[in-house]
Amino acid sequence: ALARAGEFAGQEGAASVEHLRKDLEAQRAEERIRLMREALEQGGGDIETRLRLIEELIVSDRIDEALHTSELMLHEQPESLEPLLHTLEEATRRPDVSFRLYDYLADLYFQQGRYDELLRLYRAMAEKSLEPARMIERGCLRILDRAPNHVETRRELALARRSRSDWAGVIEAIDPMLAAEADGGTPLAPEDRALWVEAS
């Protein structure tokens, strides 16, 4: 019993230390955020400081503030788009990142017509989703609504539907590529043709 009590006390102590560590880090983060905001107010809002502020807000799980700061920066400094995209991409690699950050980044890529990057992002979102096939399917349909001839997206859509044994959906995804091939367009890739045959 004494051994168990000692073990419990040790666990409580470790939990207490961890709690104190997190509190201290939160206080330090708050101070960094305050200093960066003061610097921006005094300096007129340079891009580098704004990006560091966005990073700090994301790490502190203050997503609303991070997205608001991003929108404000894009409105006032359109040239900040590329570095912002890079910052947000890096942030999505965090294991505990909010899906709202993914959604915001997806909207930026969609607005810019950057469908390769958008598809890659939807794949990353699907890996973290409870329903990966449906997540990637929704993303693919969004891209194809704007860019119906984006071949890689059609292939990804077909694979997602195949994983759910939605064979009619697989054929629907690949048929436009077959039609384009018949009209003298890009030949259908062997793996896409095999997928179409499997679904037929």
Protein backbone atom coordinates (compact mmCIF):
# COMPACT_ATOMS: atom_id res chain seq x y z
CA ALA A 1 0.00 0.00 0.00
CA LEU A 2 2.83 2.38 0.87
CA ALA A 3 4.45 1.60 -2.45
CA ARG A 4 1.21 2.36 -4.29
CA ALA A 5 0.76 5.57 -2.31
CA GLY A 6 4.29 6.61 -3.18
CA GLU A 7 3.70 5.83 -6.83
CA PHE A 8 0.48 7.88 -6.80
CA ALA A 9 2.25 10.77 -5.12
CA GLY A 10 4.98 10.58 -7.74
CA GLN A 11 2.40 10.68 -10.54
CA GLU A 12 0.65 13.63 -8.92
CA GLY A 13 3.96 15.44 -8.61
CA ALA A 14 4.83 14.82 -12.24
CA ALA A 15 1.38 16.03 -13.33
CA SER A 16 1.80 19.14 -11.22
CA VAL A 17 5.19 19.89 -12.75
CA GLU A 18 3.78 19.40 -16.25
CA HIS A 19 0.88 21.72 -15.43
CA LEU A 20 3.29 24.38 -14.19
CA ARG A 21 5.44 23.97 -17.30
CA LYS A 22 2.44 24.50 -19.57
CA ASP A 23 1.31 27.53 -17.60
CA LEU A 24 4.78 29.05 -17.83
CA GLU A 25 4.98 28.45 -21.58
CA ALA A 26 1.51 29.99 -22.06
CA GLN A 27 2.63 33.08 -20.16
CA ARG A 28 5.77 33.34 -22.27
CA ALA A 29 3.74 32.93 -25.47
CA GLU A 30 1.35 35.66 -24.33
CA GLU A 31 4.29 37.97 -23.70
CA ARG A 32 5.77 37.23 -27.14
CA ILE A 33 2.40 37.94 -28.76
CA ARG A 34 2.06 41.21 -26.84
CA LEU A 35 5.53 42.36 -27.86
CA MET A 36 4.98 41.50 -31.52
CA ARG A 37 1.67 43.36 -31.57
CA GLU A 38 3.34 46.40 -30.03
CA ALA A 39 6.12 46.21 -32.63
CA LEU A 40 3.55 46.05 -35.42
CA GLU A 41 1.67 49.05 -34.09
CA GLN A 42 4.86 51.06 -33.89
CA GLY A 43 6.44 49.85 -37.12
CA GLY A 44 3.45 49.86 -39.43
CA GLY A 45 3.13 46.09 -39.89
CA ASP A 46 6.11 44.44 -41.57
CA ILE A 47 5.42 41.03 -43.09
CA GLU A 48 8.10 39.13 -41.16
CA THR A 49 6.71 40.16 -37.78
CA ARG A 50 3.14 39.45 -38.85
CA LEU A 51 4.12 35.96 -39.96
CA ARG A 52 5.83 35.28 -36.62
CA LEU A 53 2.71 36.52 -34.85
CA ILE A 54 0.52 34.18 -36.92
CA GLU A 55 2.82 31.26 -36.08
CA GLU A 56 2.67 32.08 -32.37
CA LEU A 57 -1.12 32.37 -32.44
CA ILE A 58 -1.44 28.99 -34.16
CA VAL A 59 0.90 27.31 -31.67
CA SER A 60 -1.17 28.86 -28.85
CA ASP A 61 -4.32 27.42 -30.47
CA ARG A 62 -5.76 30.89 -31.06
CA ILE A 63 -6.94 30.02 -34.55
CA ASP A 64 -9.54 32.79 -34.89
CA GLU A 65 -6.91 35.42 -34.19
CA ALA A 66 -4.42 33.74 -36.51
CA LEU A 67 -6.89 33.70 -39.40
CA HIS A 68 -8.03 37.27 -38.73
CA THR A 69 -4.39 38.41 -38.74
CA SER A 70 -3.80 36.51 -42.00
CA GLU A 71 -6.81 38.11 -43.68
CA LEU A 72 -5.78 41.57 -42.54
CA MET A 73 -2.25 41.06 -43.83
CA LEU A 74 -3.46 39.86 -47.23
CA HIS A 75 -5.79 42.83 -47.50
CA GLU A 76 -3.12 45.37 -46.59
CA GLN A 77 -0.11 43.58 -48.11
CA PRO A 78 -1.15 41.35 -51.06
CA GLU A 79 2.52 40.60 -51.71
CA SER A 80 2.52 38.59 -48.47
CA LEU A 81 0.54 35.73 -50.06
CA GLU A 82 3.48 33.42 -50.85
CA PRO A 83 5.20 33.70 -47.46
CA LEU A 84 1.82 33.31 -45.75
CA LEU A 85 1.07 30.14 -47.71
CA HIS A 86 4.46 28.76 -46.67
CA THR A 87 3.82 29.64 -43.01
CA LEU A 88 0.38 28.00 -43.03
CA GLU A 89 1.71 24.92 -44.83
CA GLU A 90 4.34 24.51 -42.13
CA ALA A 91 1.68 24.93 -39.46
CA THR A 92 -0.48 22.15 -40.90
CA ARG A 93 2.36 19.72 -40.20
CA ARG A 94 1.73 20.10 -36.48
CA PRO A 95 0.04 16.94 -35.13
CA ASP A 96 -2.69 18.82 -33.24
CA VAL A 97 -3.53 21.51 -35.79
CA SER A 98 -7.15 22.62 -36.16
CA PHE A 99 -9.06 21.59 -39.30
CA ARG A 100 -10.13 25.22 -39.61
CA LEU A 101 -6.55 26.07 -40.51
CA TYR A 102 -6.63 23.42 -43.25
CA ASP A 103 -9.93 24.83 -44.51
CA TYR A 104 -8.54 28.36 -44.63
CA LEU A 105 -5.43 27.27 -46.51
CA ALA A 106 -7.60 25.23 -48.89
CA ASP A 107 -9.69 28.33 -49.62
CA LEU A 108 -6.55 30.31 -50.46
CA TYR A 109 -5.31 27.64 -52.86
CA PHE A 110 -8.77 27.36 -54.42
CA GLN A 111 -9.01 31.11 -54.94
CA GLN A 112 -5.61 31.08 -56.62
CA GLY A 113 -6.47 28.12 -58.85
CA ARG A 114 -3.57 26.12 -57.43
CA TYR A 115 -5.16 22.73 -57.73
CA ASP A 116 -2.05 20.57 -57.37
CA GLU A 117 -1.33 22.11 -53.97
CA LEU A 118 -5.00 21.96 -53.06
CA LEU A 119 -5.23 18.25 -53.89
CA ARG A 120 -2.11 17.56 -51.82
CA LEU A 121 -3.71 19.43 -48.92
CA TYR A 122 -6.94 17.44 -49.21
CA ARG A 123 -4.89 14.24 -49.08
CA ALA A 124 -3.29 15.43 -45.85
CA MET A 125 -6.71 16.32 -44.43
CA ALA A 126 -8.04 12.89 -45.39
CA GLU A 127 -5.22 11.19 -43.48
CA LYS A 128 -6.46 12.89 -40.30
CA SER A 129 -10.16 12.41 -40.99
CA LEU A 130 -12.42 9.74 -39.50
CA GLU A 131 -13.83 9.25 -43.03
CA PRO A 132 -10.83 9.68 -45.33
CA ALA A 133 -12.54 8.53 -48.53
CA ARG A 134 -15.45 10.93 -48.11
CA MET A 135 -13.11 13.76 -47.14
CA ILE A 136 -10.98 13.35 -50.27
CA GLU A 137 -14.09 12.88 -52.43
CA ARG A 138 -15.56 16.20 -51.25
CA GLY A 139 -12.25 17.91 -51.96
CA CYS A 140 -11.97 16.37 -55.42
CA LEU A 141 -15.50 17.39 -56.35
CA ARG A 142 -14.75 20.94 -55.31
CA ILE A 143 -11.68 21.04 -57.56
CA LEU A 144 -13.46 19.39 -60.50
CA ASP A 145 -16.32 21.86 -60.27
CA ARG A 146 -13.77 24.55 -61.17
CA ALA A 147 -11.26 22.47 -63.18
CA PRO A 148 -13.08 19.44 -64.66
CA ASN A 149 -10.03 18.34 -66.66
CA HIS A 150 -7.61 18.12 -63.73
CA VAL A 151 -6.46 14.56 -64.36
CA GLU A 152 -4.78 13.90 -61.01
CA THR A 153 -7.94 14.93 -59.19
CA ARG A 154 -10.09 12.62 -61.33
CA ARG A 155 -7.71 9.76 -60.55
CA GLU A 156 -7.86 10.54 -56.81
CA LEU A 157 -11.65 10.70 -56.94
CA ALA A 158 -11.81 7.32 -58.68
CA LEU A 159 -9.52 5.76 -56.07
CA ALA A 160 -11.56 7.20 -53.20
CA ARG A 161 -14.75 5.77 -54.67
CA ARG A 162 -13.07 2.44 -55.34
CA SER A 163 -12.17 2.21 -51.62
CA ARG A 164 -15.92 2.37 -50.90
CA SER A 165 -16.75 -0.09 -53.71
CA ASP A 166 -18.64 2.67 -55.49
CA TRP A 167 -18.00 1.27 -58.96
CA ALA A 168 -20.50 3.52 -60.74
CA GLY A 169 -18.72 6.46 -59.13
CA VAL A 170 -15.35 5.18 -60.35
CA ILE A 171 -16.62 5.02 -63.94
CA GLU A 172 -18.17 8.49 -63.60
CA ALA A 173 -14.80 9.85 -62.46
CA ILE A 174 -12.82 8.27 -65.32
CA ASP A 175 -15.30 8.57 -68.21
CA PRO A 176 -14.41 12.23 -68.99
CA MET A 177 -10.76 11.22 -69.37
CA LEU A 178 -11.78 8.48 -71.79
CA ALA A 179 -13.86 10.97 -73.75
CA ALA A 180 -10.93 13.40 -73.89
CA GLU A 181 -8.68 10.61 -75.18
CA ALA A 182 -11.23 9.75 -77.89
CA ASP A 183 -11.23 13.41 -78.97
CA GLY A 184 -7.48 13.35 -79.45
CA GLY A 185 -6.54 14.53 -75.98
CA THR A 186 -4.11 13.04 -73.48
CA PRO A 187 -4.07 9.23 -73.62
CA LEU A 188 -5.52 7.53 -70.56
CA ALA A 189 -2.81 6.29 -68.21
CA PRO A 190 -2.59 2.47 -67.94
CA GLU A 191 -3.48 2.53 -64.24
CA ASP A 192 -6.59 4.62 -64.96
CA ARG A 193 -7.66 2.28 -67.73
CA ALA A 194 -7.16 -0.72 -65.45
CA LEU A 195 -9.28 0.99 -62.77
CA TRP A 196 -12.02 1.68 -65.31
CA VAL A 197 -11.98 -1.95 -66.48
CA GLU A 198 -12.13 -3.17 -62.87
CA ALA A 199 -15.21 -1.02 -62.23
CA SER A 200 -17.00 -1.97 -65.47
